[in-house]
Amino acid sequence: MRKIVFALLLISLMAPLVNQGAEASIISDRAYRAEVRKEQKQDIKQIKNLFKKHNEFANKHDAKNLAQLYADNYVNNDGFNKVTYFKSIDSTWEACEDLTYNTKILSITINGDNASVSVEETASGTIVETIEATPVAGEIHSKAHGIYHLVKINETWYISGETAISDESSLLYGDARFMNIEISAPAQVSSGETYTISLKVDAGDDTFIIGSIDHDPVKYPPKTPKSELRALNQSQTLERLIKANSDNLNEYAVASLAISKVENLGKEHYRIYMAGLACLMKKVNVVPINNFIEIEE
């Protein structure tokens, strides 16, 4: 009997301690979660401010201040480090002096001192070229969906990397600016895989179009692919099978068009003239082949 009473006594003595420990644990957990939420709110505010500055400096073409938002070890999924990346930006701004940007944040995910920011970015600008001794205005349009990778260093967030999920751009001259032109290609392929790039143009019966389709691995400085021009068929479409590079490089599906029109001058006289030019590009992410996968029976 005494053993039972002694055991009950121990239980009665321990119960307040257990209850106090549980209450302390609950209070501690609540305080911890509240502190985490507070820190995340501050981080989200800082990250949003980072992209506000990013958009501001990009639209001012202020490479010096823009570079300060990037970590020194920055690298994107094209393999460009910070130096190469900003050289490509300088080249772009030199070619298109009025290029403007807009960035829309879709989501922010924070994991300690690292974060991932999903964004949708658009860009547009103008460029003037001389074709057959005549100045021709061109328009640049770009739309991309990607993920910025961030790292927090000494309580400050920096862009440490970038992964492009989709990226499509066009350079349109003359009548091409007012035509519906679409390029189609897969967003991702395996290294060395064969895939199809197709082009569709909505044009009138008085329009004659020749074009080419090719792929351009992402390098710096970039090299313009040279492909044979072919006439689009009556359905105004063009397709080509492409073999992805096996150099572990992402690439662009590229379509180039020369648009001519026929003007009826009467009395069976016609004039054929160059009406526009177009170049369309769509990003294709190339996944390297993993030679270290073993599947056992």
Protein backbone atom coordinates (compact mmCIF):
# COMPACT_ATOMS: atom_id res chain seq x y z
CA MET A 1 0.00 0.00 0.00
CA ARG A 2 2.79 2.41 0.92
CA LYS A 3 4.44 1.81 -2.45
CA ILE A 4 1.20 2.78 -4.20
CA VAL A 5 0.77 5.87 -2.04
CA PHE A 6 4.41 6.80 -2.66
CA ALA A 7 3.90 6.42 -6.41
CA LEU A 8 0.76 8.53 -6.27
CA LEU A 9 2.68 11.13 -4.28
CA LEU A 10 5.39 11.25 -6.91
CA ILE A 11 2.76 11.65 -9.64
CA SER A 12 1.05 14.47 -7.72
CA LEU A 13 4.38 16.21 -7.21
CA MET A 14 5.38 15.85 -10.87
CA ALA A 15 2.05 16.96 -12.31
CA PRO A 16 2.51 20.69 -11.60
CA LEU A 17 6.01 20.53 -13.06
CA VAL A 18 4.75 18.82 -16.20
CA ASN A 19 1.90 21.30 -16.55
CA GLN A 20 4.24 24.23 -16.01
CA GLY A 21 6.67 22.79 -18.59
CA ALA A 22 3.86 22.34 -21.13
CA GLU A 23 2.61 25.88 -20.54
CA ALA A 24 6.16 27.23 -20.87
CA SER A 25 6.60 25.23 -24.06
CA ILE A 26 3.38 26.63 -25.53
CA ILE A 27 4.36 30.18 -24.62
CA SER A 28 7.86 29.60 -26.01
CA ASP A 29 6.49 28.20 -29.28
CA ARG A 30 4.09 31.10 -29.66
CA ALA A 31 6.84 33.62 -29.00
CA TYR A 32 9.15 31.86 -31.46
CA ARG A 33 6.51 31.76 -34.19
CA ALA A 34 5.67 35.41 -33.57
CA GLU A 35 9.35 36.33 -33.85
CA VAL A 36 9.69 34.30 -37.08
CA ARG A 37 6.64 36.02 -38.56
CA LYS A 38 8.04 39.40 -37.57
CA GLU A 39 11.40 38.64 -39.18
CA GLN A 40 9.73 37.30 -42.34
CA LYS A 41 7.63 40.44 -42.64
CA GLN A 42 10.78 42.53 -42.42
CA ASP A 43 12.52 40.29 -44.96
CA ILE A 44 9.59 40.48 -47.38
CA LYS A 45 9.57 44.26 -47.03
CA GLN A 46 13.31 44.40 -47.76
CA ILE A 47 12.99 42.04 -50.73
CA LYS A 48 10.17 44.07 -52.25
CA ASN A 49 12.27 47.20 -51.78
CA LEU A 50 15.19 45.42 -53.47
CA PHE A 51 13.11 44.76 -56.58
CA LYS A 52 11.75 48.29 -56.52
CA LYS A 53 15.32 49.57 -56.69
CA HIS A 54 16.15 46.93 -59.31
CA ASN A 55 13.37 48.18 -61.56
CA GLU A 56 14.35 51.82 -60.96
CA PHE A 57 18.04 51.33 -61.78
CA ALA A 58 17.25 49.13 -64.80
CA ASN A 59 14.96 51.77 -66.31
CA LYS A 60 17.62 54.43 -65.74
CA HIS A 61 20.20 52.12 -67.34
CA ASP A 62 22.26 52.67 -64.20
CA ALA A 63 24.55 49.63 -64.31
CA LYS A 64 26.73 50.82 -61.42
CA ASN A 65 23.94 50.95 -58.85
CA LEU A 66 22.20 47.92 -60.34
CA ALA A 67 25.35 45.83 -59.87
CA GLN A 68 25.36 46.68 -56.15
CA LEU A 69 22.14 44.67 -55.78
CA TYR A 70 23.92 41.50 -56.96
CA ALA A 71 26.17 39.24 -54.91
CA ASP A 72 29.76 38.88 -56.12
CA ASN A 73 29.24 35.13 -56.63
CA TYR A 74 26.12 35.64 -58.77
CA VAL A 75 25.51 33.05 -61.49
CA ASN A 76 22.43 32.36 -63.60
CA ASN A 77 21.27 29.12 -65.21
CA ASP A 78 23.02 30.10 -68.46
CA GLY A 79 26.32 29.94 -66.58
CA PHE A 80 26.89 33.72 -66.74
CA ASN A 81 28.71 35.12 -63.71
CA LYS A 82 28.27 38.70 -62.55
CA VAL A 83 30.92 40.16 -64.87
CA THR A 84 29.62 38.43 -68.02
CA TYR A 85 26.01 39.15 -67.12
CA PHE A 86 26.60 42.88 -66.83
CA LYS A 87 28.61 42.94 -70.04
CA SER A 88 25.58 41.49 -71.81
CA ILE A 89 23.37 44.14 -70.16
CA ASP A 90 25.68 46.94 -71.34
CA SER A 91 25.56 45.56 -74.89
CA THR A 92 21.76 45.48 -74.79
CA TRP A 93 21.46 49.05 -73.53
CA GLU A 94 23.92 50.25 -76.15
CA ALA A 95 21.77 48.75 -78.90
CA CYS A 96 18.46 49.96 -77.45
CA GLU A 97 18.82 53.22 -75.56
CA ASP A 98 15.16 53.54 -74.54
CA LEU A 99 14.60 49.98 -73.32
CA THR A 100 12.21 50.01 -70.36
CA TYR A 101 11.38 47.26 -67.87
CA ASN A 102 8.53 46.21 -65.63
CA THR A 103 8.74 43.50 -62.96
CA LYS A 104 5.78 41.85 -61.25
CA ILE A 105 6.48 39.73 -58.15
CA LEU A 106 4.37 36.57 -58.17
CA SER A 107 5.58 34.95 -54.94
CA ILE A 108 8.30 35.14 -52.29
CA THR A 109 9.63 32.08 -50.44
CA ILE A 110 12.07 32.59 -47.56
CA ASN A 111 14.23 29.87 -46.03
CA GLY A 112 16.58 31.30 -43.43
CA ASP A 113 19.15 33.51 -45.14
CA ASN A 114 18.04 32.37 -48.59
CA ALA A 115 14.98 33.29 -50.63
CA SER A 116 13.38 32.54 -53.99
CA VAL A 117 11.34 35.20 -55.78
CA SER A 118 9.13 34.21 -58.71
CA VAL A 119 8.64 37.11 -61.11
CA GLU A 120 7.12 38.03 -64.45
CA GLU A 121 9.18 40.54 -66.40
CA THR A 122 8.41 42.55 -69.52
CA ALA A 123 10.60 44.88 -71.54
CA SER A 124 10.07 47.06 -74.59
CA GLY A 125 12.02 49.59 -76.62
CA THR A 126 12.75 50.93 -80.09
CA ILE A 127 15.67 50.71 -82.47
CA VAL A 128 16.32 52.30 -85.88
CA GLU A 129 18.10 50.49 -88.72
CA THR A 130 18.81 51.53 -92.29
CA ILE A 131 17.38 49.17 -94.90
CA GLU A 132 17.96 49.96 -98.57
CA ALA A 133 19.07 53.49 -97.63
CA THR A 134 15.80 54.06 -95.76
CA PRO A 135 15.59 54.43 -91.95
CA VAL A 136 13.28 51.79 -90.55
CA ALA A 137 11.96 51.80 -86.99
CA GLY A 138 12.02 48.58 -85.06
CA GLU A 139 10.35 47.54 -81.83
CA ILE A 140 11.75 45.23 -79.17
CA HIS A 141 9.35 43.27 -76.96
CA SER A 142 10.24 40.73 -74.32
CA LYS A 143 8.34 38.67 -71.77
CA ALA A 144 9.91 36.31 -69.26
CA HIS A 145 8.97 34.22 -66.25
CA GLY A 146 11.80 33.37 -63.90
CA ILE A 147 13.00 32.84 -60.36
CA TYR A 148 15.53 35.11 -58.66
CA HIS A 149 17.61 33.44 -55.95
CA LEU A 150 18.54 35.71 -53.05
CA VAL A 151 20.98 35.49 -50.16
CA LYS A 152 21.09 37.63 -47.02
CA ILE A 153 24.55 38.91 -46.10
CA ASN A 154 24.98 41.10 -43.00
CA GLU A 155 21.19 41.66 -42.85
CA THR A 156 21.06 42.83 -46.49
CA TRP A 157 19.50 40.85 -49.33
CA TYR A 158 21.40 40.36 -52.61
CA ILE A 159 20.58 38.60 -55.87
CA SER A 160 22.78 35.51 -56.02
CA GLY A 161 21.32 33.70 -59.02
CA GLU A 162 18.54 33.47 -61.56
CA THR A 163 16.67 30.65 -63.28
CA ALA A 164 14.74 31.40 -66.46
CA ILE A 165 11.59 29.30 -66.76
CA SER A 166 10.39 30.94 -69.96
CA ASP A 167 11.75 33.79 -72.05
CA GLU A 168 10.42 35.06 -75.37
CA SER A 169 11.43 38.19 -77.27
CA SER A 170 10.87 39.76 -80.67
CA LEU A 171 12.45 42.45 -82.83
CA LEU A 172 9.97 43.77 -85.39
CA TYR A 173 10.49 46.23 -88.25
CA GLY A 174 7.99 47.87 -90.58
CA ASP A 175 4.73 46.00 -91.17
CA ALA A 176 5.91 43.15 -88.96
CA ARG A 177 4.99 45.35 -85.99
CA PHE A 178 1.31 44.99 -86.88
CA MET A 179 1.26 41.28 -87.74
CA ASN A 180 0.51 38.32 -85.53
CA ILE A 181 3.70 36.22 -85.56
CA GLU A 182 4.16 33.26 -83.22
CA ILE A 183 7.13 31.01 -82.57
CA SER A 184 6.63 27.66 -80.85
CA ALA A 185 9.30 25.53 -79.14
CA PRO A 186 9.49 23.37 -76.00
CA ALA A 187 10.57 25.08 -72.80
CA GLN A 188 12.92 22.22 -71.90
CA VAL A 189 14.71 19.43 -73.77
CA SER A 190 17.46 16.93 -73.03
CA SER A 191 21.00 17.43 -74.25
CA GLY A 192 21.24 16.26 -77.87
CA GLU A 193 17.47 15.71 -78.13
CA THR A 194 15.67 16.45 -81.40
CA TYR A 195 12.76 18.86 -81.12
CA THR A 196 10.53 20.95 -83.39
CA ILE A 197 10.51 24.72 -83.82
CA SER A 198 7.49 26.06 -85.69
CA LEU A 199 6.53 29.52 -86.93
CA LYS A 200 3.06 30.85 -87.75
CA VAL A 201 2.28 34.17 -89.43
CA ASP A 202 -1.10 35.78 -90.10
CA ALA A 203 -0.67 37.69 -93.35
CA GLY A 204 -2.80 38.74 -96.33
CA ASP A 205 -2.75 37.31 -99.85
CA ASP A 206 -0.63 40.24 -101.04
CA THR A 207 2.21 39.26 -98.71
CA PHE A 208 5.18 37.08 -99.59
CA ILE A 209 7.37 35.88 -96.74
CA ILE A 210 10.68 34.09 -96.63
CA GLY A 211 12.20 32.95 -93.38
CA SER A 212 14.59 30.69 -91.54
CA ILE A 213 14.55 28.70 -88.32
CA ASP A 214 17.59 27.80 -86.27
CA HIS A 215 18.86 27.45 -82.70
CA ASP A 216 21.47 29.54 -80.94
CA PRO A 217 23.30 28.20 -77.86
CA VAL A 218 23.68 30.85 -75.15
CA LYS A 219 27.25 32.20 -75.31
CA TYR A 220 29.00 35.52 -74.83
CA PRO A 221 29.52 37.32 -77.07
CA PRO A 222 26.50 35.93 -78.94
CA LYS A 223 26.81 34.61 -82.47
CA THR A 224 24.09 35.09 -85.06
CA PRO A 225 23.06 31.76 -86.59
CA LYS A 226 23.06 31.64 -90.40
CA SER A 227 20.36 29.52 -91.96
CA GLU A 228 18.99 29.13 -95.44
CA LEU A 229 15.91 31.24 -96.14
CA ARG A 230 12.81 29.39 -97.33
CA ALA A 231 9.46 30.62 -98.58
CA LEU A 232 6.52 30.09 -96.22
CA ASN A 233 3.78 27.90 -97.65
CA GLN A 234 0.19 28.97 -98.28
CA SER A 235 -0.72 28.43 -94.63
CA GLN A 236 2.08 30.89 -93.73
CA THR A 237 3.84 28.35 -91.52
CA LEU A 238 7.40 27.10 -91.26
CA GLU A 239 8.78 24.17 -89.27
CA ARG A 240 12.17 22.63 -88.65
CA LEU A 241 13.57 19.76 -86.64
CA ILE A 242 16.45 20.88 -84.45
CA LYS A 243 18.98 18.81 -82.52
CA ALA A 244 19.76 20.44 -79.19
CA ASN A 245 23.40 21.12 -78.45
CA SER A 246 25.31 18.57 -76.35
CA ASP A 247 27.59 21.16 -74.71
CA ASN A 248 25.35 21.58 -71.65
CA LEU A 249 24.28 25.05 -72.82
CA ASN A 250 20.80 26.51 -72.85
CA GLU A 251 19.76 27.79 -76.27
CA TYR A 252 17.30 29.98 -78.11
CA ALA A 253 14.92 28.88 -80.82
CA VAL A 254 15.34 31.61 -83.44
CA ALA A 255 13.13 32.56 -86.40
CA SER A 256 14.00 35.30 -88.91
CA LEU A 257 11.57 36.70 -91.47
CA ALA A 258 11.72 39.00 -94.48
CA ILE A 259 8.28 40.30 -95.45
CA SER A 260 7.54 41.57 -98.97
CA LYS A 261 4.31 42.93 -100.37
CA VAL A 262 2.89 43.21 -103.84
CA GLU A 263 1.17 46.46 -104.88
CA ASN A 264 -1.14 46.48 -107.90
CA LEU A 265 -0.35 49.59 -109.96
CA GLY A 266 -3.00 48.82 -112.60
CA LYS A 267 -2.75 47.72 -116.22
CA GLU A 268 -1.08 44.51 -115.11
CA HIS A 269 1.78 46.39 -113.47
CA TYR A 270 2.90 45.42 -110.00
CA ARG A 271 5.45 46.66 -107.52
CA ILE A 272 7.14 44.35 -105.06
CA TYR A 273 8.72 46.05 -102.05
CA MET A 274 10.25 45.13 -98.71
CA ALA A 275 7.57 45.71 -96.07
CA GLY A 276 9.18 44.47 -92.90
CA LEU A 277 11.61 42.29 -91.02
CA ALA A 278 11.20 40.19 -87.90
CA CYS A 279 13.35 38.17 -85.54
CA LEU A 280 11.76 36.06 -82.79
CA MET A 281 13.52 34.14 -80.03
CA LYS A 282 12.28 31.66 -77.45
CA LYS A 283 14.35 30.21 -74.62
CA VAL A 284 14.88 26.44 -74.54
CA ASN A 285 16.47 25.09 -71.36
CA VAL A 286 18.77 22.16 -72.15
CA VAL A 287 19.13 19.55 -69.40
CA PRO A 288 22.50 17.75 -69.32
CA ILE A 289 22.43 13.96 -69.52
CA ASN A 290 23.01 12.35 -66.12
CA ASN A 291 25.37 9.43 -66.66
CA PHE A 292 25.38 8.46 -62.99
CA ILE A 293 21.89 7.02 -62.68
CA GLU A 294 21.83 3.28 -61.95
CA ILE A 295 18.61 1.30 -61.92
CA GLU A 296 18.86 -2.16 -60.43
CA GLU A 297 16.48 -4.97 -61.36
